[in-house]
Amino acid sequence: MTSSHTPVPAAHAGSAPFRLRRDKDGTVWFCRDGAETRVNVHLCFPWTQPERFFSLRDEDKNELALVESPDGLDAESRAILEAMTAESRFVFPITAIESADPDFELRVWKVRTRGGPRQFQTKLDDWPRPLPDGSLLLRDIAGDLYRVEQPEQLDVKSRRILWAFMD
């Protein structure tokens, strides 16, 4: 099927029934009232609840539905939304740490990754988690992951900042 050129009006997911369909090529379609529109998922604030509040948007970034919880979707649509959400999250490899400063119940990390500089927030009590291979993992409040592959090979400043959060 082809995409409808007329976007489906934005609506709360509960106000008008819809379903999601995924093609073999991975394209996800928002289906309602006989129309299909290609969609992407965008995580919404509050990022402290990554399992809630998803905005389904067309290619022009128009919101077609706000999904408060995947629990209200049919099983296939829920599985597609969960897969889209997982795919939208990344694992960023950290190459250096510039700072990790507290800011009102959060910690703001400024880091360099292979893709360039990034800034993210974690809860104050979320610490880097050691992995069996010796790397360290941090999860930001949006659910994205940051990995320090070889902590001992970071520059001196980065190691000093990082070790302040290690047991």
C-alpha atoms as a PDB file:
ATOM      1  CA  MET A   1       0.000   0.000   0.000  1.00  0.00           C
ATOM      2  CA  THR A   2       1.062   3.549  -0.486  1.00  0.00           C
ATOM      3  CA  SER A   3       1.096   6.406   1.940  1.00  0.00           C
ATOM      4  CA  SER A   4      -1.873   8.701   2.155  1.00  0.00           C
ATOM      5  CA  HIS A   5      -0.911  12.214   1.097  1.00  0.00           C
ATOM      6  CA  THR A   6      -3.327  13.658   3.620  1.00  0.00           C
ATOM      7  CA  PRO A   7      -1.929  13.189   7.140  1.00  0.00           C
ATOM      8  CA  VAL A   8      -4.264  11.724   9.706  1.00  0.00           C
ATOM      9  CA  PRO A   9      -5.178  14.475  12.205  1.00  0.00           C
ATOM     10  CA  ALA A  10      -3.215  14.480  15.446  1.00  0.00           C
ATOM     11  CA  ALA A  11      -5.089  12.788  18.249  1.00  0.00           C
ATOM     12  CA  HIS A  12      -4.637  11.106  21.560  1.00  0.00           C
ATOM     13  CA  ALA A  13      -4.197   7.406  20.847  1.00  0.00           C
ATOM     14  CA  GLY A  14      -7.337   6.581  22.796  1.00  0.00           C
ATOM     15  CA  SER A  15      -9.593   9.003  20.891  1.00  0.00           C
ATOM     16  CA  ALA A  16      -9.586   7.187  17.541  1.00  0.00           C
ATOM     17  CA  PRO A  17      -8.589   3.559  16.973  1.00  0.00           C
ATOM     18  CA  PHE A  18      -5.505   2.950  14.900  1.00  0.00           C
ATOM     19  CA  ARG A  19      -2.980   0.213  14.373  1.00  0.00           C
ATOM     20  CA  LEU A  20       0.617  -0.006  13.262  1.00  0.00           C
ATOM     21  CA  ARG A  21       1.859  -2.185  10.430  1.00  0.00           C
ATOM     22  CA  ARG A  22       5.456  -2.923   9.483  1.00  0.00           C
ATOM     23  CA  ASP A  23       6.630  -3.859   5.987  1.00  0.00           C
ATOM     24  CA  LYS A  24       9.380  -6.389   5.331  1.00  0.00           C
ATOM     25  CA  ASP A  25      11.753  -3.476   4.611  1.00  0.00           C
ATOM     26  CA  GLY A  26      11.136  -2.091   8.131  1.00  0.00           C
ATOM     27  CA  THR A  27       8.849   0.782   7.122  1.00  0.00           C
ATOM     28  CA  VAL A  28       6.166   1.392   9.754  1.00  0.00           C
ATOM     29  CA  TRP A  29       2.691   2.520   8.735  1.00  0.00           C
ATOM     30  CA  PHE A  30       0.065   4.247  10.872  1.00  0.00           C
ATOM     31  CA  CYS A  31      -3.311   2.817   9.817  1.00  0.00           C
ATOM     32  CA  ARG A  32      -6.623   4.514  10.622  1.00  0.00           C
ATOM     33  CA  ASP A  33      -9.897   4.935   8.758  1.00  0.00           C
ATOM     34  CA  GLY A  34      -8.552   3.145   5.669  1.00  0.00           C
ATOM     35  CA  ALA A  35      -5.585   5.525   5.293  1.00  0.00           C
ATOM     36  CA  GLU A  36      -1.948   4.608   5.854  1.00  0.00           C
ATOM     37  CA  THR A  37       0.829   7.056   6.633  1.00  0.00           C
ATOM     38  CA  ARG A  38       4.519   6.248   7.121  1.00  0.00           C
ATOM     39  CA  VAL A  39       5.539   7.088  10.706  1.00  0.00           C
ATOM     40  CA  ASN A  40       8.473   7.396  13.058  1.00  0.00           C
ATOM     41  CA  VAL A  41       8.386   7.340  16.836  1.00  0.00           C
ATOM     42  CA  HIS A  42       9.613  10.216  19.006  1.00  0.00           C
ATOM     43  CA  LEU A  43      10.096   9.830  22.737  1.00  0.00           C
ATOM     44  CA  CYS A  44       8.343  12.515  24.753  1.00  0.00           C
ATOM     45  CA  PHE A  45       9.021  14.262  28.025  1.00  0.00           C
ATOM     46  CA  PRO A  46       9.226  13.213  30.823  1.00  0.00           C
ATOM     47  CA  TRP A  47      12.272  11.183  29.811  1.00  0.00           C
ATOM     48  CA  THR A  48      12.351   9.708  33.302  1.00  0.00           C
ATOM     49  CA  GLN A  49       9.492   7.461  32.122  1.00  0.00           C
ATOM     50  CA  PRO A  50      10.891   5.955  28.886  1.00  0.00           C
ATOM     51  CA  GLU A  51       8.105   3.352  28.744  1.00  0.00           C
ATOM     52  CA  ARG A  52       5.402   6.051  28.383  1.00  0.00           C
ATOM     53  CA  PHE A  53       4.469   8.917  26.061  1.00  0.00           C
ATOM     54  CA  PHE A  54       5.360   8.281  22.430  1.00  0.00           C
ATOM     55  CA  SER A  55       4.603  10.642  19.597  1.00  0.00           C
ATOM     56  CA  LEU A  56       3.908   8.979  16.251  1.00  0.00           C
ATOM     57  CA  ARG A  57       4.839  11.454  13.494  1.00  0.00           C
ATOM     58  CA  ASP A  58       4.730  11.488   9.736  1.00  0.00           C
ATOM     59  CA  GLU A  59       7.683  12.346   7.495  1.00  0.00           C
ATOM     60  CA  ASP A  60       6.917  16.075   7.891  1.00  0.00           C
ATOM     61  CA  LYS A  61       7.073  15.693  11.700  1.00  0.00           C
ATOM     62  CA  ASN A  62       3.301  16.170  12.085  1.00  0.00           C
ATOM     63  CA  GLU A  63       1.998  14.264  15.089  1.00  0.00           C
ATOM     64  CA  LEU A  64      -0.568  11.644  14.161  1.00  0.00           C
ATOM     65  CA  ALA A  65      -1.055  10.210  17.655  1.00  0.00           C
ATOM     66  CA  LEU A  66       0.247  10.580  21.170  1.00  0.00           C
ATOM     67  CA  VAL A  67       0.488   7.178  22.812  1.00  0.00           C
ATOM     68  CA  GLU A  68       0.499   7.509  26.584  1.00  0.00           C
ATOM     69  CA  SER A  69       1.107   3.805  27.132  1.00  0.00           C
ATOM     70  CA  PRO A  70       1.631   0.920  24.690  1.00  0.00           C
ATOM     71  CA  ASP A  71      -0.689  -1.177  26.888  1.00  0.00           C
ATOM     72  CA  GLY A  72      -3.719   0.295  25.120  1.00  0.00           C
ATOM     73  CA  LEU A  73      -2.578  -0.930  21.688  1.00  0.00           C
ATOM     74  CA  ASP A  74      -3.333  -4.248  20.046  1.00  0.00           C
ATOM     75  CA  ALA A  75      -0.563  -6.860  20.432  1.00  0.00           C
ATOM     76  CA  GLU A  76       0.952  -6.361  16.957  1.00  0.00           C
ATOM     77  CA  SER A  77       0.965  -2.552  17.223  1.00  0.00           C
ATOM     78  CA  ARG A  78       2.435  -2.742  20.729  1.00  0.00           C
ATOM     79  CA  ALA A  79       5.250  -5.024  19.518  1.00  0.00           C
ATOM     80  CA  ILE A  80       5.970  -2.689  16.587  1.00  0.00           C
ATOM     81  CA  LEU A  81       6.021   0.378  18.869  1.00  0.00           C
ATOM     82  CA  GLU A  82       8.348  -1.358  21.325  1.00  0.00           C
ATOM     83  CA  ALA A  83      10.695  -2.350  18.471  1.00  0.00           C
ATOM     84  CA  MET A  84      10.629   1.200  17.060  1.00  0.00           C
ATOM     85  CA  THR A  85      11.441   2.588  20.504  1.00  0.00           C
ATOM     86  CA  ALA A  86      14.371   0.208  20.964  1.00  0.00           C
ATOM     87  CA  GLU A  87      15.675   1.069  17.496  1.00  0.00           C
ATOM     88  CA  SER A  88      15.452   4.798  18.237  1.00  0.00           C
ATOM     89  CA  ARG A  89      17.813   4.439  21.177  1.00  0.00           C
ATOM     90  CA  PHE A  90      21.519   4.296  20.556  1.00  0.00           C
ATOM     91  CA  VAL A  91      24.668   3.185  22.300  1.00  0.00           C
ATOM     92  CA  PHE A  92      27.147   6.032  22.112  1.00  0.00           C
ATOM     93  CA  PRO A  93      30.816   5.095  22.638  1.00  0.00           C
ATOM     94  CA  ILE A  94      32.435   7.659  24.972  1.00  0.00           C
ATOM     95  CA  THR A  95      36.001   8.645  24.070  1.00  0.00           C
ATOM     96  CA  ALA A  96      36.449  11.403  26.695  1.00  0.00           C
ATOM     97  CA  ILE A  97      34.571  12.952  29.610  1.00  0.00           C
ATOM     98  CA  GLU A  98      34.636  16.734  29.914  1.00  0.00           C
ATOM     99  CA  SER A  99      32.465  17.050  33.043  1.00  0.00           C
ATOM    100  CA  ALA A 100      29.787  15.407  35.169  1.00  0.00           C
ATOM    101  CA  ASP A 101      28.089  18.081  37.268  1.00  0.00           C
ATOM    102  CA  PRO A 102      24.990  17.908  39.485  1.00  0.00           C
ATOM    103  CA  ASP A 103      22.027  20.040  38.466  1.00  0.00           C
ATOM    104  CA  PHE A 104      18.812  19.796  40.543  1.00  0.00           C
ATOM    105  CA  GLU A 105      18.423  16.051  41.098  1.00  0.00           C
ATOM    106  CA  LEU A 106      20.199  15.218  37.836  1.00  0.00           C
ATOM    107  CA  ARG A 107      23.788  14.886  36.731  1.00  0.00           C
ATOM    108  CA  VAL A 108      24.744  16.603  33.481  1.00  0.00           C
ATOM    109  CA  TRP A 109      27.455  14.766  31.568  1.00  0.00           C
ATOM    110  CA  LYS A 110      29.464  16.480  28.850  1.00  0.00           C
ATOM    111  CA  VAL A 111      31.340  13.899  26.835  1.00  0.00           C
ATOM    112  CA  ARG A 112      33.008  13.284  23.503  1.00  0.00           C
ATOM    113  CA  THR A 113      31.886  10.313  21.484  1.00  0.00           C
ATOM    114  CA  ARG A 114      33.086   8.883  18.194  1.00  0.00           C
ATOM    115  CA  GLY A 115      30.305  10.921  16.606  1.00  0.00           C
ATOM    116  CA  GLY A 116      31.301  14.190  18.286  1.00  0.00           C
ATOM    117  CA  PRO A 117      30.462  16.040  21.521  1.00  0.00           C
ATOM    118  CA  ARG A 118      27.288  15.143  23.406  1.00  0.00           C
ATOM    119  CA  GLN A 119      25.562  16.207  26.588  1.00  0.00           C
ATOM    120  CA  PHE A 120      23.139  14.021  28.524  1.00  0.00           C
ATOM    121  CA  GLN A 121      21.545  13.727  31.949  1.00  0.00           C
ATOM    122  CA  THR A 122      21.368  10.882  34.447  1.00  0.00           C
ATOM    123  CA  LYS A 123      19.706  10.676  37.827  1.00  0.00           C
ATOM    124  CA  LEU A 124      22.060  11.688  40.614  1.00  0.00           C
ATOM    125  CA  ASP A 125      22.039   8.166  42.039  1.00  0.00           C
ATOM    126  CA  ASP A 126      22.639   6.410  38.683  1.00  0.00           C
ATOM    127  CA  TRP A 127      26.250   5.305  38.546  1.00  0.00           C
ATOM    128  CA  PRO A 128      28.278   3.853  35.676  1.00  0.00           C
ATOM    129  CA  ARG A 129      27.582   0.120  35.558  1.00  0.00           C
ATOM    130  CA  PRO A 130      30.557  -2.198  35.040  1.00  0.00           C
ATOM    131  CA  LEU A 131      30.078  -4.830  32.340  1.00  0.00           C
ATOM    132  CA  PRO A 132      31.758  -8.262  32.258  1.00  0.00           C
ATOM    133  CA  ASP A 133      34.157  -7.170  29.479  1.00  0.00           C
ATOM    134  CA  GLY A 134      35.561  -4.339  31.644  1.00  0.00           C
ATOM    135  CA  SER A 135      33.636  -1.565  29.901  1.00  0.00           C
ATOM    136  CA  LEU A 136      31.259   0.805  31.707  1.00  0.00           C
ATOM    137  CA  LEU A 137      27.677   1.633  30.791  1.00  0.00           C
ATOM    138  CA  LEU A 138      25.649   4.754  31.573  1.00  0.00           C
ATOM    139  CA  ARG A 139      21.924   5.150  30.795  1.00  0.00           C
ATOM    140  CA  ASP A 140      20.584   8.661  30.408  1.00  0.00           C
ATOM    141  CA  ILE A 141      17.098   9.695  31.505  1.00  0.00           C
ATOM    142  CA  ALA A 142      15.825   9.245  27.910  1.00  0.00           C
ATOM    143  CA  GLY A 143      16.993   5.633  27.917  1.00  0.00           C
ATOM    144  CA  ASP A 144      19.946   6.111  25.555  1.00  0.00           C
ATOM    145  CA  LEU A 145      23.106   4.232  26.451  1.00  0.00           C
ATOM    146  CA  TYR A 146      26.666   5.502  26.689  1.00  0.00           C
ATOM    147  CA  ARG A 147      29.568   3.077  26.872  1.00  0.00           C
ATOM    148  CA  VAL A 148      33.172   3.565  27.933  1.00  0.00           C
ATOM    149  CA  GLU A 149      34.808   0.621  26.162  1.00  0.00           C
ATOM    150  CA  GLN A 150      38.239   0.769  27.837  1.00  0.00           C
ATOM    151  CA  PRO A 151      38.088   3.075  30.861  1.00  0.00           C
ATOM    152  CA  GLU A 152      41.781   2.635  31.651  1.00  0.00           C
ATOM    153  CA  GLN A 153      42.685   4.108  28.253  1.00  0.00           C
ATOM    154  CA  LEU A 154      40.833   7.391  28.754  1.00  0.00           C
ATOM    155  CA  ASP A 155      42.863  10.571  29.243  1.00  0.00           C
ATOM    156  CA  VAL A 156      43.785  11.547  32.811  1.00  0.00           C
ATOM    157  CA  LYS A 157      40.991  14.135  33.210  1.00  0.00           C
ATOM    158  CA  SER A 158      38.331  11.683  31.960  1.00  0.00           C
ATOM    159  CA  ARG A 159      39.549   8.919  34.287  1.00  0.00           C
ATOM    160  CA  ARG A 160      39.548  11.295  37.267  1.00  0.00           C
ATOM    161  CA  ILE A 161      35.945  12.354  36.578  1.00  0.00           C
ATOM    162  CA  LEU A 162      34.797   8.784  35.938  1.00  0.00           C
ATOM    163  CA  TRP A 163      36.505   7.198  38.954  1.00  0.00           C
ATOM    164  CA  ALA A 164      34.712   9.624  41.275  1.00  0.00           C
ATOM    165  CA  PHE A 165      31.582   7.599  40.473  1.00  0.00           C
ATOM    166  CA  MET A 166      33.077   4.143  40.868  1.00  0.00           C
ATOM    167  CA  ASP A 167      33.077   1.953  43.987  1.00  0.00           C
END
